[in-house]
Amino acid sequence: MLFFAFPIGVVADDIKFTDANIQELKASGRPALIYVWSQDQVYSMKHWQWFEAEARHQKMKFIAISKLPISKHSDFRGYSMPSKIFSTRNDSRYIESIGGLVHTPSVVIIYNGKIDSHPIVGLLRPDDLSAAIKKRKNAL
């Protein structure tokens, strides 16, 4: 399991998402949407629900990882961030190598046992997000 339950406002101790986690997801065969967010990008905290809803709609596992190390004293600018959103930080060299950390929010897709090398970068309206995810899935 990649995430642990913590009450809102409590930050986990340095849980990392690694390349080994990517391999596990690929091997599982289950489609996944990896959502990269950052404390320094308000939109990635404010609109994460759009991405989670789209993952559910497309029957994909939703995994959220932070671009930056997570401080136990992060204020998240008043946004309600469930623990599954703010308890895991990126430690994947692959996510970094494909540009998944250049801007947040960004999304990396795992589909048909393959990981997409072209992240969806930036905040998209729900309809545009849906189309972009479908396009990336079809490319795999």
Protein backbone atom coordinates (compact mmCIF):
# COMPACT_ATOMS: atom_id res chain seq x y z
CA MET A 1 0.00 0.00 0.00
CA LEU A 2 1.33 3.40 -0.95
CA PHE A 3 -0.66 5.60 1.41
CA PHE A 4 -1.46 5.67 5.09
CA ALA A 5 -4.38 7.30 6.86
CA PHE A 6 -3.65 10.38 8.93
CA PRO A 7 -6.13 12.98 10.14
CA ILE A 8 -6.30 16.20 8.13
CA GLY A 9 -3.61 18.52 9.43
CA VAL A 10 -1.21 15.73 10.39
CA VAL A 11 1.64 15.06 8.00
CA ALA A 12 3.25 11.64 7.73
CA ASP A 13 6.95 11.04 8.19
CA ASP A 14 8.65 11.19 4.80
CA ILE A 15 6.77 8.52 2.83
CA LYS A 16 8.42 8.24 -0.58
CA PHE A 17 7.11 7.25 -4.01
CA THR A 18 9.93 5.51 -5.86
CA ASP A 19 10.71 3.83 -9.16
CA ALA A 20 10.01 0.52 -7.37
CA ASN A 21 6.44 1.76 -6.78
CA ILE A 22 6.13 2.44 -10.50
CA GLN A 23 7.26 -1.10 -11.27
CA GLU A 24 4.69 -2.50 -8.82
CA LEU A 25 1.93 -0.46 -10.46
CA LYS A 26 2.96 -1.57 -13.95
CA ALA A 27 3.08 -5.21 -12.85
CA SER A 28 -0.37 -4.97 -11.26
CA GLY A 29 -1.93 -4.24 -14.66
CA ARG A 30 -4.26 -1.70 -13.07
CA PRO A 31 -4.42 1.70 -14.78
CA ALA A 32 -3.12 4.53 -12.59
CA LEU A 33 -3.06 8.31 -12.61
CA ILE A 34 -0.06 9.72 -10.74
CA TYR A 35 -0.87 13.27 -9.66
CA VAL A 36 2.14 15.49 -8.91
CA TRP A 37 1.35 18.50 -6.74
CA SER A 38 3.38 21.11 -4.90
CA GLN A 39 2.95 23.30 -1.86
CA ASP A 40 4.23 26.26 -3.89
CA GLN A 41 1.53 25.92 -6.58
CA VAL A 42 -1.91 26.88 -5.31
CA TYR A 43 -3.81 25.34 -8.21
CA SER A 44 -2.32 21.93 -7.51
CA MET A 45 -3.73 22.10 -3.97
CA LYS A 46 -7.00 23.81 -4.85
CA HIS A 47 -8.11 21.59 -7.75
CA TRP A 48 -6.78 18.12 -6.92
CA GLN A 49 -10.39 16.87 -6.74
CA TRP A 50 -10.77 17.32 -10.51
CA PHE A 51 -7.93 14.88 -11.07
CA GLU A 52 -9.17 12.39 -8.51
CA ALA A 53 -12.69 12.49 -9.99
CA GLU A 54 -11.34 11.90 -13.48
CA ALA A 55 -9.23 8.97 -12.27
CA ARG A 56 -12.39 7.44 -10.76
CA HIS A 57 -14.37 8.13 -13.93
CA GLN A 58 -11.74 6.37 -16.05
CA LYS A 59 -11.40 3.55 -13.50
CA MET A 60 -7.81 4.43 -12.68
CA LYS A 61 -6.05 4.27 -9.34
CA PHE A 62 -5.37 7.82 -8.08
CA ILE A 63 -1.92 8.34 -6.57
CA ALA A 64 -0.82 11.76 -5.36
CA ILE A 65 2.81 12.66 -4.80
CA SER A 66 4.38 15.91 -3.70
CA LYS A 67 7.10 17.52 -5.78
CA LEU A 68 8.71 19.03 -2.67
CA PRO A 69 9.65 17.50 0.66
CA ILE A 70 6.67 17.81 2.99
CA SER A 71 7.14 19.77 6.17
CA LYS A 72 5.26 18.79 9.30
CA HIS A 73 4.53 22.49 9.60
CA SER A 74 3.09 23.01 6.11
CA ASP A 75 0.03 25.21 6.21
CA PHE A 76 -1.29 24.24 2.73
CA ARG A 77 -2.63 27.81 2.51
CA GLY A 78 -5.88 26.83 4.15
CA TYR A 79 -6.80 24.15 1.60
CA SER A 80 -8.21 20.88 2.87
CA MET A 81 -5.69 18.26 1.83
CA PRO A 82 -6.63 14.69 2.77
CA SER A 83 -3.71 12.68 4.08
CA LYS A 84 -3.55 10.55 0.94
CA ILE A 85 -2.77 13.77 -0.91
CA PHE A 86 -0.09 15.20 1.30
CA SER A 87 1.59 12.21 2.90
CA THR A 88 3.80 11.00 0.03
CA ARG A 89 6.62 12.81 -1.74
CA ASN A 90 8.28 12.00 -5.02
CA ASP A 91 11.54 10.06 -4.93
CA SER A 92 11.17 8.60 -8.43
CA ARG A 93 14.02 9.38 -10.78
CA TYR A 94 11.77 8.34 -13.68
CA ILE A 95 9.09 10.93 -12.87
CA GLU A 96 11.83 13.55 -12.69
CA SER A 97 13.53 12.39 -15.92
CA ILE A 98 10.38 12.76 -18.05
CA GLY A 99 9.67 16.29 -16.81
CA GLY A 100 6.95 15.35 -14.35
CA LEU A 101 8.33 17.84 -11.81
CA VAL A 102 8.82 20.82 -14.12
CA HIS A 103 5.42 22.31 -13.27
CA THR A 104 2.55 21.32 -11.04
CA PRO A 105 0.00 20.03 -11.21
CA SER A 106 1.14 17.34 -13.59
CA VAL A 107 -0.11 13.85 -14.33
CA VAL A 108 1.69 10.69 -15.38
CA ILE A 109 -0.39 7.79 -16.69
CA ILE A 110 0.18 4.06 -16.27
CA TYR A 111 -1.95 2.02 -18.67
CA ASN A 112 -1.71 -1.48 -20.14
CA GLY A 113 1.31 -2.16 -17.93
CA LYS A 114 3.21 0.79 -19.45
CA ILE A 115 4.07 4.20 -18.06
CA ASP A 116 3.64 7.23 -20.29
CA SER A 117 6.79 9.27 -20.91
CA HIS A 118 4.79 12.42 -21.69
CA PRO A 119 3.25 13.96 -18.57
CA ILE A 120 0.13 16.08 -18.79
CA VAL A 121 1.33 19.38 -17.37
CA GLY A 122 -0.70 22.19 -15.85
CA LEU A 123 -4.24 22.75 -14.71
CA LEU A 124 -6.84 21.70 -17.25
CA ARG A 125 -10.60 22.10 -17.08
CA PRO A 126 -12.32 18.76 -16.35
CA ASP A 127 -13.41 18.14 -19.98
CA ASP A 128 -9.94 18.96 -21.31
CA LEU A 129 -8.33 16.79 -18.63
CA SER A 130 -10.55 13.87 -19.59
CA ALA A 131 -9.62 14.24 -23.27
CA ALA A 132 -5.91 14.56 -22.48
CA ILE A 133 -5.92 11.41 -20.35
CA LYS A 134 -7.77 9.45 -23.03
CA LYS A 135 -5.28 10.66 -25.64
CA ARG A 136 -2.30 9.58 -23.50
CA LYS A 137 -3.92 6.18 -22.79
CA ASN A 138 -4.48 5.62 -26.52
CA ALA A 139 -0.80 6.43 -27.16
CA LEU A 140 0.19 3.55 -24.89
